[in-house]
Amino acid sequence: MTNKSFKVITLGCKVNQYESAYLKEALAGAGWLQAGKYETSDVVIINTCIVTQKAAHQSRQAIRKAIRENPGGFIAAVGCYAQALPEEISQIEGVGLIADNRMKADIPHFLINGGASSKTTVLLKQYEADAPFDFLDIRSFPDRTRSYLKIQDGCQSFCSYCIVPFTRGPYRSLAPEKILHMLEVLSGQGYKEVVFTGIHLGKYGVDLKGDTDLVPLLQMVGREGYPLRIRLSSIEPNEIEMGLIEMAASERWLCRHFHIPLQSGDNRVLKMMKRNYTTREFAAIIEAIYSKIPHVCIGVDIMSGFPGEDSRAHRNSCSLIKDLPLSYLHVFPFSPRSGTAANSFKGRVDPGVIKKRAAELRDLGERKRSLFYRGCLQKEFQVLGEGWHSETPGVMKGRSDNYLPVLFPSDHIRESQLVQVLMERVEGNMVMGNELPGIKSHEVP
């Protein structure tokens, strides 16, 4: 089955993006050809998401679109949707493979060895209590200037609104020696930024022997002196240790960027959500980060319209956000999920009210973002070049270590290189700057 063409369509989180990169690399390594965006393909893999009703709807849409646009092609629906609701996918005519998260590592082998047929195949494997970490050995991310490395999987928090523990299984961690090996490999491939991802990143190491958690792991990484920087994906507020804050303040290879789920700024709602912190504790963590790390970027997730959220609870959320030194918001309307506790909660909020509250939070988030950008002007930041800006000749786009989206003029390509840029002005959703001399492309000062 060499010279087959394939596409991988990814929905959802950075963990999904990492696993999709594995699927692409494995198929390409077997001689398969990745089809272009507007080309038909022999095989289409949709790596699904089900974290919200909207995500599930988008997954179904992507599956049906792939069937429609690739007549005669083999369609594989894999991932979290298949893990939670395989029977729903099986009702979509034209799906040839349904495979859950436990089977992702086996999908390339299945396809390469003739598994694609006219008959629908279902590959499902439930998580056992001692399920191993599924290590996916990935060497490149051809569509990206930064790479991802999944170091943790699984969640056992069972927040009342969340389906993820049912789709990702128990806590599992990648052994430190394999992480160091992968950083060596990715560094050798020329990557200058690696994003550590996980379903519940702050629980890294709880299943490993010895004193192994996120801070000792990062200390090991720092001792190796790789010529790249590390960015952390989302981490829970009550799992941010002072040691992690101090490391981000002192180690320039560790990006000054925290993405922290808040979900609600009201203690009563937080308790109903089964979030194990109070608004006072959350505020103390944010203030500790901000006081220790200059120009730190702090983003938060916030949910609108959780059952029982009255106008006072919404005002409490807005008030807390206004008072804290936050950089941006990710706003999510509450989405009922079958199988979660909140699905049966009373006090459902009217959809129109949810929409209005979400809009108010997004507006607040934009004001926070603008203040953060303007507070970084006339300062120098290390920027990873991502390629030429499509709208302006001679201008590069990139991302700073503290997550500023940057545009800067350049007389030669700086893609996948680290450069020093002086931030000069804000234009819309971008920060405009000028490249400064003094940093070589392979260095992480």
Protein backbone atom coordinates (compact mmCIF):
# COMPACT_ATOMS: atom_id res chain seq x y z
CA MET A 1 0.00 0.00 0.00
CA THR A 2 2.87 2.40 -0.67
CA ASN A 3 2.21 5.68 -2.43
CA LYS A 4 -1.23 5.94 -0.88
CA SER A 5 -2.27 9.49 -0.08
CA PHE A 6 -3.51 10.55 3.37
CA LYS A 7 -4.76 13.48 5.40
CA VAL A 8 -4.96 13.93 9.16
CA ILE A 9 -7.56 16.42 10.42
CA THR A 10 -7.12 17.44 14.04
CA LEU A 11 -9.64 18.90 16.47
CA GLY A 12 -9.10 19.83 20.09
CA CYS A 13 -6.10 20.10 22.36
CA LYS A 14 -2.32 20.13 21.99
CA VAL A 15 -2.20 16.47 23.03
CA ASN A 16 -4.32 15.65 20.00
CA GLN A 17 -1.99 17.74 17.84
CA TYR A 18 0.99 15.78 19.14
CA GLU A 19 -0.69 12.45 18.45
CA SER A 20 -1.70 13.59 14.97
CA ALA A 21 1.94 14.43 14.28
CA TYR A 22 2.79 10.82 15.13
CA LEU A 23 0.17 9.53 12.67
CA LYS A 24 1.54 11.76 9.91
CA GLU A 25 5.15 10.80 10.55
CA ALA A 26 4.41 7.06 10.70
CA LEU A 27 2.46 7.05 7.43
CA ALA A 28 4.95 9.28 5.63
CA GLY A 29 7.76 7.03 6.84
CA ALA A 30 6.02 4.09 5.17
CA GLY A 31 6.03 5.88 1.82
CA TRP A 32 2.55 7.39 1.96
CA LEU A 33 2.04 10.87 0.56
CA GLN A 34 0.35 13.62 2.55
CA ALA A 35 -2.36 15.19 0.40
CA GLY A 36 -2.74 18.94 0.13
CA LYS A 37 -5.54 20.84 1.82
CA TYR A 38 -7.74 20.92 -1.30
CA GLU A 39 -6.74 17.53 -2.72
CA THR A 40 -8.72 14.32 -2.43
CA SER A 41 -7.08 11.54 -0.45
CA ASP A 42 -7.12 7.75 -0.28
CA VAL A 43 -7.25 7.82 3.52
CA VAL A 44 -8.52 10.57 5.84
CA ILE A 45 -8.02 10.35 9.60
CA ILE A 46 -10.12 12.65 11.78
CA ASN A 47 -8.60 12.98 15.26
CA THR A 48 -11.73 13.96 17.16
CA CYS A 49 -12.58 15.99 20.25
CA ILE A 50 -15.59 15.77 22.54
CA VAL A 51 -14.74 18.17 25.36
CA THR A 52 -17.86 20.25 24.60
CA GLN A 53 -21.07 19.75 22.64
CA LYS A 54 -19.67 22.16 20.05
CA ALA A 55 -16.48 20.11 19.73
CA ALA A 56 -18.53 16.93 19.24
CA HIS A 57 -20.62 18.69 16.60
CA GLN A 58 -17.46 19.92 14.84
CA SER A 59 -16.07 16.38 14.93
CA ARG A 60 -19.19 15.00 13.27
CA GLN A 61 -19.05 17.78 10.69
CA ALA A 62 -15.40 17.00 9.93
CA ILE A 63 -16.19 13.29 9.49
CA ARG A 64 -19.10 13.97 7.13
CA LYS A 65 -17.08 16.55 5.19
CA ALA A 66 -14.23 14.07 4.73
CA ILE A 67 -16.67 11.45 3.42
CA ARG A 68 -18.24 13.97 1.06
CA GLU A 69 -14.99 15.42 -0.29
CA ASN A 70 -13.10 12.14 -0.68
CA PRO A 71 -15.39 9.83 -2.68
CA GLY A 72 -14.10 6.30 -2.48
CA GLY A 73 -11.64 7.26 0.25
CA PHE A 74 -11.20 5.40 3.53
CA ILE A 75 -12.37 7.48 6.51
CA ALA A 76 -11.03 6.83 10.02
CA ALA A 77 -12.64 8.53 13.04
CA VAL A 78 -10.28 8.26 16.02
CA GLY A 79 -9.68 9.76 19.45
CA CYS A 80 -11.86 11.06 22.26
CA TYR A 81 -15.19 10.91 20.43
CA ALA A 82 -14.52 7.28 19.55
CA GLN A 83 -13.48 6.61 23.16
CA ALA A 84 -16.68 8.01 24.66
CA LEU A 85 -19.38 7.49 22.04
CA PRO A 86 -18.32 4.99 19.36
CA GLU A 87 -21.95 4.08 18.74
CA GLU A 88 -22.71 7.63 17.57
CA ILE A 89 -19.88 7.51 15.03
CA SER A 90 -21.00 4.10 13.80
CA GLN A 91 -24.30 5.69 12.72
CA ILE A 92 -22.44 7.87 10.18
CA GLU A 93 -22.47 5.96 6.92
CA GLY A 94 -19.08 5.87 5.22
CA VAL A 95 -16.77 5.56 8.26
CA GLY A 96 -14.32 2.72 7.73
CA LEU A 97 -12.46 2.76 11.06
CA ILE A 98 -13.46 3.76 14.58
CA ALA A 99 -10.48 3.74 16.96
CA ASP A 100 -10.10 5.20 20.45
CA ASN A 101 -7.14 6.86 22.17
CA ARG A 102 -5.68 3.57 23.39
CA MET A 103 -5.39 2.36 19.80
CA LYS A 104 -3.83 5.46 18.21
CA ALA A 105 -0.34 3.98 18.26
CA ASP A 106 -1.61 0.99 16.23
CA ILE A 107 -3.51 2.93 13.56
CA PRO A 108 -0.58 3.36 11.12
CA HIS A 109 0.23 -0.36 11.31
CA PHE A 110 -3.43 -1.18 10.71
CA LEU A 111 -3.63 1.04 7.63
CA ILE A 112 -0.23 0.16 6.19
CA ASN A 113 -0.95 -3.55 6.44
CA GLY A 114 -4.16 -3.46 4.48
CA GLY A 115 -6.69 -2.74 7.20
CA ALA A 116 -8.53 -0.25 5.01
CA SER A 117 -11.46 -2.11 3.52
CA SER A 118 -15.12 -1.60 2.72
CA LYS A 119 -16.14 -3.09 6.07
CA THR A 120 -16.17 -0.86 9.16
CA THR A 121 -13.55 -1.87 11.73
CA VAL A 122 -13.86 -0.91 15.38
CA LEU A 123 -10.68 -0.83 17.50
CA LEU A 124 -11.53 -0.06 21.13
CA LYS A 125 -9.57 -0.77 24.29
CA GLN A 126 -10.73 0.42 27.70
CA TYR A 127 -8.30 1.95 30.19
CA GLU A 128 -7.21 -0.31 33.02
CA ALA A 129 -6.10 1.11 36.37
CA ASP A 130 -2.42 0.49 35.61
CA ALA A 131 -2.55 1.45 31.93
CA PRO A 132 0.92 2.32 30.61
CA PHE A 133 1.91 5.62 29.06
CA ASP A 134 1.58 5.27 25.29
CA PHE A 135 4.90 6.66 24.09
CA LEU A 136 4.79 7.97 20.53
CA ASP A 137 8.29 8.44 19.14
CA ILE A 138 7.99 11.59 17.00
CA ARG A 139 10.97 13.17 15.26
CA SER A 140 9.49 16.10 13.37
CA PHE A 141 6.53 18.47 13.12
CA PRO A 142 6.69 19.51 9.45
CA ASP A 143 3.78 21.95 9.69
CA ARG A 144 5.11 23.82 12.74
CA THR A 145 8.10 25.87 13.85
CA ARG A 146 7.74 24.62 17.42
CA SER A 147 7.34 21.04 18.52
CA TYR A 148 5.10 19.39 21.09
CA LEU A 149 6.09 16.67 23.50
CA LYS A 150 3.38 14.80 25.37
CA ILE A 151 4.84 14.03 28.79
CA GLN A 152 1.62 13.23 30.66
CA ASP A 153 -1.75 11.70 29.89
CA GLY A 154 -4.96 11.00 31.79
CA CYS A 155 -7.05 12.80 34.40
CA GLN A 156 -8.75 11.62 37.60
CA SER A 157 -10.17 14.93 38.85
CA PHE A 158 -13.72 14.33 37.60
CA CYS A 159 -14.75 17.97 37.61
CA SER A 160 -18.53 17.91 37.44
CA TYR A 161 -18.71 19.38 33.91
CA CYS A 162 -15.86 17.41 32.29
CA ILE A 163 -15.92 14.30 30.11
CA VAL A 164 -12.12 14.07 29.76
CA PRO A 165 -11.46 11.53 32.57
CA PHE A 166 -13.72 9.11 30.68
CA THR A 167 -11.81 9.57 27.42
CA ARG A 168 -8.22 9.75 28.63
CA GLY A 169 -8.00 7.30 31.52
CA PRO A 170 -5.83 7.43 34.68
CA TYR A 171 -2.69 9.49 35.29
CA ARG A 172 0.27 8.31 33.23
CA SER A 173 3.67 9.92 32.79
CA LEU A 174 6.54 9.60 30.32
CA ALA A 175 9.77 8.52 32.03
CA PRO A 176 12.29 11.38 32.50
CA GLU A 177 15.00 9.60 30.53
CA LYS A 178 12.70 9.35 27.50
CA ILE A 179 11.84 13.04 27.80
CA LEU A 180 15.54 13.95 27.82
CA HIS A 181 16.11 11.65 24.83
CA MET A 182 13.28 13.29 22.88
CA LEU A 183 14.59 16.78 23.68
CA GLU A 184 17.98 15.71 22.34
CA VAL A 185 16.34 14.43 19.17
CA LEU A 186 14.15 17.51 18.67
CA SER A 187 17.06 19.83 19.35
CA GLY A 188 19.08 17.94 16.75
CA GLN A 189 16.23 18.49 14.29
CA GLY A 190 16.65 22.23 14.76
CA TYR A 191 13.64 23.01 16.95
CA LYS A 192 14.11 26.00 19.23
CA GLU A 193 10.92 25.59 21.26
CA VAL A 194 9.28 22.49 22.71
CA VAL A 195 5.86 22.66 24.35
CA PHE A 196 5.36 20.17 27.18
CA THR A 197 1.79 18.96 26.90
CA GLY A 198 -0.46 16.76 28.99
CA ILE A 199 -4.09 16.22 29.87
CA HIS A 200 -3.31 17.11 33.51
CA LEU A 201 0.26 18.42 33.30
CA GLY A 202 0.57 19.27 36.98
CA LYS A 203 0.13 15.58 37.85
CA TYR A 204 3.26 14.64 35.94
CA GLY A 205 5.17 11.97 37.85
CA VAL A 206 2.49 10.87 40.35
CA ASP A 207 2.58 7.38 38.83
CA LEU A 208 6.39 7.16 38.71
CA LYS A 209 8.67 5.91 41.44
CA GLY A 210 10.79 8.29 43.46
CA ASP A 211 10.64 12.06 43.84
CA THR A 212 9.55 12.78 40.28
CA ASP A 213 7.23 15.65 39.51
CA LEU A 214 7.25 18.63 37.18
CA VAL A 215 9.82 20.76 39.03
CA PRO A 216 12.53 18.05 39.37
CA LEU A 217 11.91 17.15 35.73
CA LEU A 218 12.48 20.76 34.63
CA GLN A 219 15.60 20.91 36.79
CA MET A 220 16.95 17.86 34.93
CA VAL A 221 16.13 19.53 31.62
CA GLY A 222 17.91 22.70 32.67
CA ARG A 223 21.09 20.83 33.61
CA GLU A 224 21.32 19.41 30.08
CA GLY A 225 21.61 22.88 28.53
CA TYR A 226 19.67 22.17 25.35
CA PRO A 227 19.72 25.04 22.80
CA LEU A 228 15.95 25.45 22.97
CA ARG A 229 13.28 26.84 25.22
CA ILE A 230 10.48 24.98 27.01
CA ARG A 231 6.88 26.17 27.16
CA LEU A 232 4.31 24.58 29.47
CA SER A 233 0.75 23.99 28.36
CA SER A 234 -2.21 24.38 30.72
CA ILE A 235 -1.55 23.73 34.41
CA GLU A 236 -4.00 23.72 37.33
CA PRO A 237 -3.73 26.63 39.81
CA ASN A 238 -3.35 24.47 42.91
CA GLU A 239 -0.49 22.56 41.23
CA ILE A 240 1.75 25.57 40.59
CA GLU A 241 4.50 25.28 43.18
CA MET A 242 6.66 28.19 44.28
CA GLY A 243 9.63 26.24 42.94
CA LEU A 244 8.08 26.35 39.46
CA ILE A 245 7.44 30.10 39.73
CA GLU A 246 11.02 30.74 40.87
CA MET A 247 12.38 28.63 38.02
CA ALA A 248 10.35 30.54 35.44
CA ALA A 249 11.66 33.76 36.98
CA SER A 250 15.32 32.77 36.82
CA GLU A 251 15.74 30.37 33.87
CA ARG A 252 15.53 32.07 30.47
CA TRP A 253 15.00 28.76 28.68
CA LEU A 254 11.66 28.34 30.50
CA CYS A 255 9.01 30.52 28.85
CA ARG A 256 7.37 33.20 31.00
CA HIS A 257 3.91 31.97 30.15
CA PHE A 258 1.30 30.29 32.34
CA HIS A 259 -2.10 29.13 31.11
CA ILE A 260 -4.24 28.43 34.17
CA PRO A 261 -7.86 27.21 34.30
CA LEU A 262 -9.98 29.43 36.57
CA GLN A 263 -13.46 28.35 35.30
CA SER A 264 -15.35 30.59 37.74
CA GLY A 265 -14.67 33.55 39.97
CA ASP A 266 -17.41 32.53 42.42
CA ASN A 267 -16.68 30.17 45.31
CA ARG A 268 -20.13 28.58 45.31
CA VAL A 269 -19.86 27.75 41.61
CA LEU A 270 -16.29 26.47 42.01
CA LYS A 271 -17.52 24.07 44.68
CA MET A 272 -20.30 22.79 42.40
CA MET A 273 -17.73 22.35 39.66
CA LYS A 274 -15.56 20.27 42.06
CA ARG A 275 -12.65 22.65 41.59
CA ASN A 276 -10.34 22.26 44.58
CA TYR A 277 -9.44 25.88 45.26
CA THR A 278 -11.11 29.12 46.30
CA THR A 279 -11.01 32.48 44.54
CA ARG A 280 -8.70 33.79 47.28
CA GLU A 281 -6.27 30.92 46.72
CA PHE A 282 -6.41 31.47 42.96
CA ALA A 283 -5.72 35.19 43.36
CA ALA A 284 -2.76 34.47 45.65
CA ILE A 285 -1.19 32.20 43.01
CA ILE A 286 -1.64 34.80 40.27
CA GLU A 287 -0.17 37.56 42.43
CA ALA A 288 2.80 35.34 43.36
CA ILE A 289 3.55 34.66 39.69
CA TYR A 290 3.17 38.31 38.71
CA SER A 291 5.36 39.59 41.56
CA LYS A 292 8.21 37.19 40.75
CA ILE A 293 8.30 37.22 36.93
CA PRO A 294 8.61 40.48 34.97
CA HIS A 295 6.30 40.73 31.94
CA VAL A 296 4.87 37.27 32.55
CA CYS A 297 1.94 36.21 30.39
CA ILE A 298 -0.92 34.69 32.41
CA GLY A 299 -3.91 33.35 30.51
CA VAL A 300 -6.96 31.74 32.08
CA ASP A 301 -9.90 29.60 31.07
CA ILE A 302 -13.26 30.88 32.26
CA MET A 303 -16.68 29.28 31.83
CA SER A 304 -19.96 31.16 31.48
CA GLY A 305 -23.39 29.82 32.34
CA PHE A 306 -22.60 26.86 34.60
CA PRO A 307 -25.84 25.54 36.15
CA GLY A 308 -26.70 27.66 39.17
CA GLU A 309 -24.55 30.59 38.05
CA ASP A 310 -26.73 33.59 38.89
CA SER A 311 -26.01 37.23 38.06
CA ARG A 312 -24.10 37.67 41.32
CA ALA A 313 -21.79 34.76 40.51
CA HIS A 314 -21.15 36.21 37.06
CA ARG A 315 -20.34 39.60 38.58
CA ASN A 316 -17.95 37.91 40.98
CA SER A 317 -16.12 36.33 38.03
CA CYS A 318 -15.86 39.66 36.22
CA SER A 319 -14.70 41.43 39.38
CA LEU A 320 -12.00 38.86 40.12
CA ILE A 321 -10.68 39.01 36.57
CA LYS A 322 -10.64 42.83 36.57
CA ASP A 323 -8.62 42.88 39.79
CA LEU A 324 -5.97 40.37 38.71
CA PRO A 325 -2.93 40.97 36.41
CA LEU A 326 -4.14 38.59 33.70
CA SER A 327 -3.04 38.72 30.05
CA TYR A 328 -5.86 37.01 28.13
CA LEU A 329 -8.98 34.89 28.60
CA HIS A 330 -10.26 31.75 26.91
CA VAL A 331 -14.04 31.92 27.39
CA PHE A 332 -16.18 28.79 27.15
CA PRO A 333 -19.98 28.65 27.42
CA PHE A 334 -21.12 25.77 29.62
CA SER A 335 -21.73 22.64 27.57
CA PRO A 336 -23.77 19.77 29.11
CA ARG A 337 -22.12 16.40 28.58
CA SER A 338 -23.92 13.10 29.05
CA GLY A 339 -22.18 11.06 31.75
CA THR A 340 -20.97 14.02 33.77
CA ALA A 341 -22.47 15.12 37.09
CA ALA A 342 -23.34 18.62 35.90
CA ASN A 343 -25.52 17.20 33.12
CA SER A 344 -28.24 16.59 35.73
CA PHE A 345 -27.73 19.77 37.76
CA LYS A 346 -30.72 22.07 38.22
CA GLY A 347 -30.57 25.78 37.57
CA ARG A 348 -29.71 25.69 33.86
CA VAL A 349 -28.95 29.18 32.58
CA ASP A 350 -30.88 30.49 29.58
CA PRO A 351 -28.74 30.19 26.38
CA GLY A 352 -29.30 33.86 25.60
CA VAL A 353 -28.00 34.83 29.04
CA ILE A 354 -24.99 32.53 28.60
CA LYS A 355 -24.20 34.17 25.27
CA LYS A 356 -24.44 37.66 26.77
CA ARG A 357 -22.22 36.74 29.74
CA ALA A 358 -19.66 35.09 27.46
CA ALA A 359 -19.56 38.23 25.29
CA GLU A 360 -18.98 40.37 28.38
CA LEU A 361 -16.13 38.12 29.47
CA ARG A 362 -14.56 38.16 26.00
CA ASP A 363 -14.71 41.94 25.95
CA LEU A 364 -13.01 42.00 29.34
CA GLY A 365 -10.40 39.57 28.00
CA GLU A 366 -9.64 41.84 25.04
CA ARG A 367 -9.09 44.78 27.38
CA LYS A 368 -6.75 42.65 29.50
CA ARG A 369 -4.87 41.57 26.36
CA SER A 370 -4.46 45.17 25.18
CA LEU A 371 -3.11 46.27 28.57
CA PHE A 372 -0.66 43.37 28.61
CA TYR A 373 0.61 44.14 25.09
CA ARG A 374 1.05 47.84 25.88
CA GLY A 375 2.88 47.02 29.08
CA CYS A 376 5.51 45.19 27.01
CA LEU A 377 6.33 48.14 24.73
CA GLN A 378 9.89 49.47 24.67
CA LYS A 379 11.08 46.15 26.09
CA GLU A 380 13.19 43.44 24.42
CA PHE A 381 11.92 39.89 24.05
CA GLN A 382 13.19 36.69 22.52
CA VAL A 383 11.01 35.82 19.52
CA LEU A 384 10.75 32.53 17.64
CA GLY A 385 10.35 33.27 13.94
CA GLU A 386 7.39 31.49 12.38
CA GLY A 387 7.71 32.56 8.73
CA TRP A 388 6.90 35.49 6.50
CA HIS A 389 3.80 37.53 7.25
CA SER A 390 1.39 36.78 4.40
CA GLU A 391 0.06 40.32 4.11
CA THR A 392 3.24 42.39 4.29
CA PRO A 393 6.39 41.69 2.20
CA GLY A 394 9.63 41.66 4.16
CA VAL A 395 7.93 41.20 7.52
CA MET A 396 8.38 38.14 9.72
CA LYS A 397 5.85 36.88 12.25
CA GLY A 398 6.79 35.17 15.46
CA ARG A 399 5.97 34.51 19.09
CA SER A 400 7.88 35.80 22.09
CA ASP A 401 8.75 33.69 25.11
CA ASN A 402 5.93 35.46 26.99
CA TYR A 403 3.47 34.68 24.16
CA LEU A 404 3.32 38.02 22.37
CA PRO A 405 2.34 37.66 18.69
CA VAL A 406 5.03 39.74 17.00
CA LEU A 407 5.65 41.21 13.54
CA PHE A 408 9.09 42.58 12.68
CA PRO A 409 10.85 43.57 9.43
CA SER A 410 13.69 41.34 8.28
CA ASP A 411 15.93 41.20 5.23
CA HIS A 412 16.24 37.41 5.42
CA ILE A 413 14.16 34.53 6.70
CA ARG A 414 14.17 33.90 10.43
CA GLU A 415 11.82 30.94 10.52
CA SER A 416 12.58 28.54 13.39
CA GLN A 417 15.24 30.92 14.71
CA LEU A 418 15.33 32.89 17.94
CA VAL A 419 15.93 36.61 17.63
CA GLN A 420 15.86 39.60 19.97
CA VAL A 421 13.10 42.07 19.13
CA LEU A 422 12.32 45.47 20.63
CA MET A 423 8.54 45.94 20.97
CA GLU A 424 7.50 49.35 19.63
CA ARG A 425 3.74 49.58 19.09
CA VAL A 426 0.47 47.65 19.13
CA GLU A 427 -1.50 47.29 15.92
CA GLY A 428 -4.75 45.37 16.29
CA ASN A 429 -3.98 41.93 17.71
CA MET A 430 -0.25 42.09 16.97
CA VAL A 431 2.79 43.79 18.50
CA MET A 432 5.12 45.49 16.02
CA GLY A 433 8.84 45.43 16.74
CA ASN A 434 12.35 45.69 15.32
CA GLU A 435 15.03 43.02 15.37
CA LEU A 436 18.09 43.77 17.51
CA PRO A 437 21.62 42.40 17.12
CA GLY A 438 23.30 40.32 19.76
CA ILE A 439 21.65 36.89 19.77
CA LYS A 440 22.74 34.05 17.55
CA SER A 441 20.02 31.86 16.13
CA HIS A 442 21.15 28.75 18.03
CA GLU A 443 21.34 30.37 21.45
CA VAL A 444 18.81 30.49 24.26
CA PRO A 445 20.29 33.07 26.63
